């Protein structure tokens, strides 16, 4: 059920955001996650402050960086739609992974199963979900430039 939900959200996200903003938002997610992780614990005493600040930083960076990151996914046709969907799926899973990792495990397990939590928010899962979108960008860049 979670996989279907994520696939649906990914499709809507990709169509709503579009190819011009997908990479910009990916960079904003990395920056937001980095900022939230270096904020001293005394300023973020509760987990929901971290989640809220994370999403606020993404929103502010997305609104402020309209011209900052002019990188987009090029192309047209069925291959183009495939790249858009995969990129939006990877970003959606990455956002869910980061959001779950910022929430205490006990509270996260009230919303997702233990297996889903391990696939999305364990220490290795976060690292993997951070690297997969970058690897995908590298892959599609290599294919396009051949």
Protein backbone atom coordinates (compact mmCIF):
# COMPACT_ATOMS: atom_id res chain seq x y z
CA UNK A 1 0.00 0.00 0.00
CA UNK A 2 2.88 2.35 0.86
CA UNK A 3 4.52 1.69 -2.52
CA UNK A 4 1.31 2.53 -4.40
CA UNK A 5 0.83 5.67 -2.32
CA UNK A 6 4.40 6.80 -2.98
CA UNK A 7 4.05 6.05 -6.71
CA UNK A 8 0.85 8.11 -6.91
CA UNK A 9 2.34 11.01 -4.96
CA UNK A 10 5.47 10.83 -7.12
CA UNK A 11 3.45 11.05 -10.31
CA UNK A 12 1.45 14.03 -9.05
CA UNK A 13 4.61 15.67 -7.70
CA UNK A 14 6.47 15.22 -10.99
CA UNK A 15 3.62 16.57 -13.07
CA UNK A 16 3.01 19.50 -10.71
CA UNK A 17 6.66 20.53 -10.34
CA UNK A 18 7.80 19.86 -13.89
CA UNK A 19 11.19 19.15 -15.34
CA UNK A 20 12.63 22.59 -14.70
CA UNK A 21 12.23 22.42 -10.94
CA UNK A 22 12.91 18.76 -10.11
CA UNK A 23 16.67 19.09 -9.86
CA UNK A 24 16.39 22.42 -8.05
CA UNK A 25 14.15 20.83 -5.44
CA UNK A 26 16.54 17.88 -5.10
CA UNK A 27 19.37 20.28 -4.30
CA UNK A 28 17.09 22.12 -1.86
CA UNK A 29 16.35 18.84 -0.06
CA UNK A 30 20.08 18.16 0.38
CA UNK A 31 20.69 21.70 1.63
CA UNK A 32 17.71 21.61 4.01
CA UNK A 33 18.72 18.25 5.45
CA UNK A 34 22.27 19.48 5.95
CA UNK A 35 21.14 22.66 7.69
CA UNK A 36 18.72 20.83 10.00
CA UNK A 37 21.41 18.34 10.99
CA UNK A 38 23.90 21.03 12.00
CA UNK A 39 21.48 23.16 14.03
CA UNK A 40 22.44 22.67 17.71
CA UNK A 41 20.09 20.39 19.65
CA UNK A 42 19.32 23.10 22.21
CA UNK A 43 17.49 25.12 19.53
CA UNK A 44 15.42 22.19 18.32
CA UNK A 45 14.26 20.56 21.52
CA UNK A 46 11.42 18.59 19.93
CA UNK A 47 11.50 16.42 16.82
CA UNK A 48 8.59 18.25 15.18
CA UNK A 49 10.65 21.46 15.21
CA UNK A 50 13.24 19.67 13.07
CA UNK A 51 10.59 18.42 10.63
CA UNK A 52 8.93 21.84 10.47
CA UNK A 53 12.24 23.67 9.94
CA UNK A 54 13.23 21.11 7.28
CA UNK A 55 10.05 21.72 5.27
CA UNK A 56 10.21 25.50 5.77
CA UNK A 57 13.79 25.61 4.47
CA UNK A 58 12.78 23.58 1.41
CA UNK A 59 9.89 25.95 0.72
CA UNK A 60 12.01 29.08 1.18
CA UNK A 61 14.85 27.75 -0.98
CA UNK A 62 12.42 26.65 -3.66
CA UNK A 63 10.75 30.06 -3.76
CA UNK A 64 14.06 31.94 -3.58
CA UNK A 65 16.02 29.85 -6.04
CA UNK A 66 13.95 30.30 -9.18
CA UNK A 67 17.03 31.35 -11.12
CA UNK A 68 19.71 29.82 -8.90
CA UNK A 69 19.67 26.31 -10.36
CA UNK A 70 18.97 26.39 -14.09
CA UNK A 71 19.53 22.67 -14.53
CA UNK A 72 16.65 20.63 -15.88
CA UNK A 73 15.87 17.27 -17.38
CA UNK A 74 15.93 17.60 -21.15
CA UNK A 75 14.21 15.67 -23.86
CA UNK A 76 10.78 14.74 -25.10
CA UNK A 77 8.69 11.68 -25.87
CA UNK A 78 8.21 8.55 -23.79
CA UNK A 79 11.81 8.54 -22.53
CA UNK A 80 11.34 12.05 -21.24
CA UNK A 81 8.24 11.12 -19.22
CA UNK A 82 10.07 8.10 -17.84
CA UNK A 83 12.94 10.31 -16.60
CA UNK A 84 10.50 12.80 -15.04
CA UNK A 85 8.58 10.07 -13.23
CA UNK A 86 11.69 8.29 -11.93
CA UNK A 87 13.23 11.56 -10.72
CA UNK A 88 10.01 12.62 -8.97
CA UNK A 89 9.71 9.14 -7.42
CA UNK A 90 13.27 9.28 -6.10
CA UNK A 91 12.71 12.76 -4.67
CA UNK A 92 9.44 11.72 -3.03
CA UNK A 93 11.03 8.68 -1.40
CA UNK A 94 14.00 10.81 -0.34
CA UNK A 95 11.65 13.37 1.26
CA UNK A 96 9.76 10.62 3.08
CA UNK A 97 13.04 9.07 4.19
CA UNK A 98 14.39 12.32 5.58
CA UNK A 99 11.08 13.21 7.25
CA UNK A 100 10.87 9.80 8.94
CA UNK A 101 14.50 10.01 10.04
CA UNK A 102 13.85 13.32 11.78
CA UNK A 103 10.97 11.84 13.78
CA UNK A 104 11.77 9.49 16.69
CA UNK A 105 11.56 5.83 15.66
CA UNK A 106 8.81 5.04 18.15
CA UNK A 107 6.55 7.72 16.70
CA UNK A 108 7.44 6.84 13.09
CA UNK A 109 6.45 3.22 13.69
CA UNK A 110 2.92 4.42 14.50
CA UNK A 111 2.59 5.50 10.85
CA UNK A 112 4.66 2.93 8.91
CA UNK A 113 5.57 -0.70 9.43
CA UNK A 114 8.93 -1.71 10.86
CA UNK A 115 10.01 -3.04 7.45
CA UNK A 116 9.03 0.19 5.69
CA UNK A 117 10.89 2.16 8.37
CA UNK A 118 14.03 0.08 7.80
CA UNK A 119 13.78 0.58 4.03
CA UNK A 120 13.23 4.32 4.37
CA UNK A 121 14.77 5.69 7.55
CA UNK A 122 17.50 3.42 8.86
CA UNK A 123 21.00 4.88 8.78
CA UNK A 124 21.94 2.98 5.64
CA UNK A 125 18.60 3.66 3.97
CA UNK A 126 19.02 7.42 4.31
CA UNK A 127 22.47 7.21 2.78
CA UNK A 128 21.17 5.06 -0.07
CA UNK A 129 18.18 7.36 -0.72
CA UNK A 130 20.56 10.33 -0.77
CA UNK A 131 22.84 8.69 -3.34
CA UNK A 132 20.30 7.11 -5.70
CA UNK A 133 18.96 10.43 -7.12
CA UNK A 134 22.52 11.59 -7.78
CA UNK A 135 23.37 8.31 -9.48
CA UNK A 136 20.21 8.60 -11.58
CA UNK A 137 21.15 12.12 -12.66
CA UNK A 138 24.59 10.84 -13.63
CA UNK A 139 23.00 7.96 -15.56
CA UNK A 140 20.56 10.09 -17.55
CA UNK A 141 23.21 12.72 -18.23
CA UNK A 142 25.51 10.04 -19.69
CA UNK A 143 22.69 8.60 -21.84
CA UNK A 144 21.62 12.00 -23.17
CA UNK A 145 25.16 13.10 -24.03
CA UNK A 146 26.01 9.97 -26.09
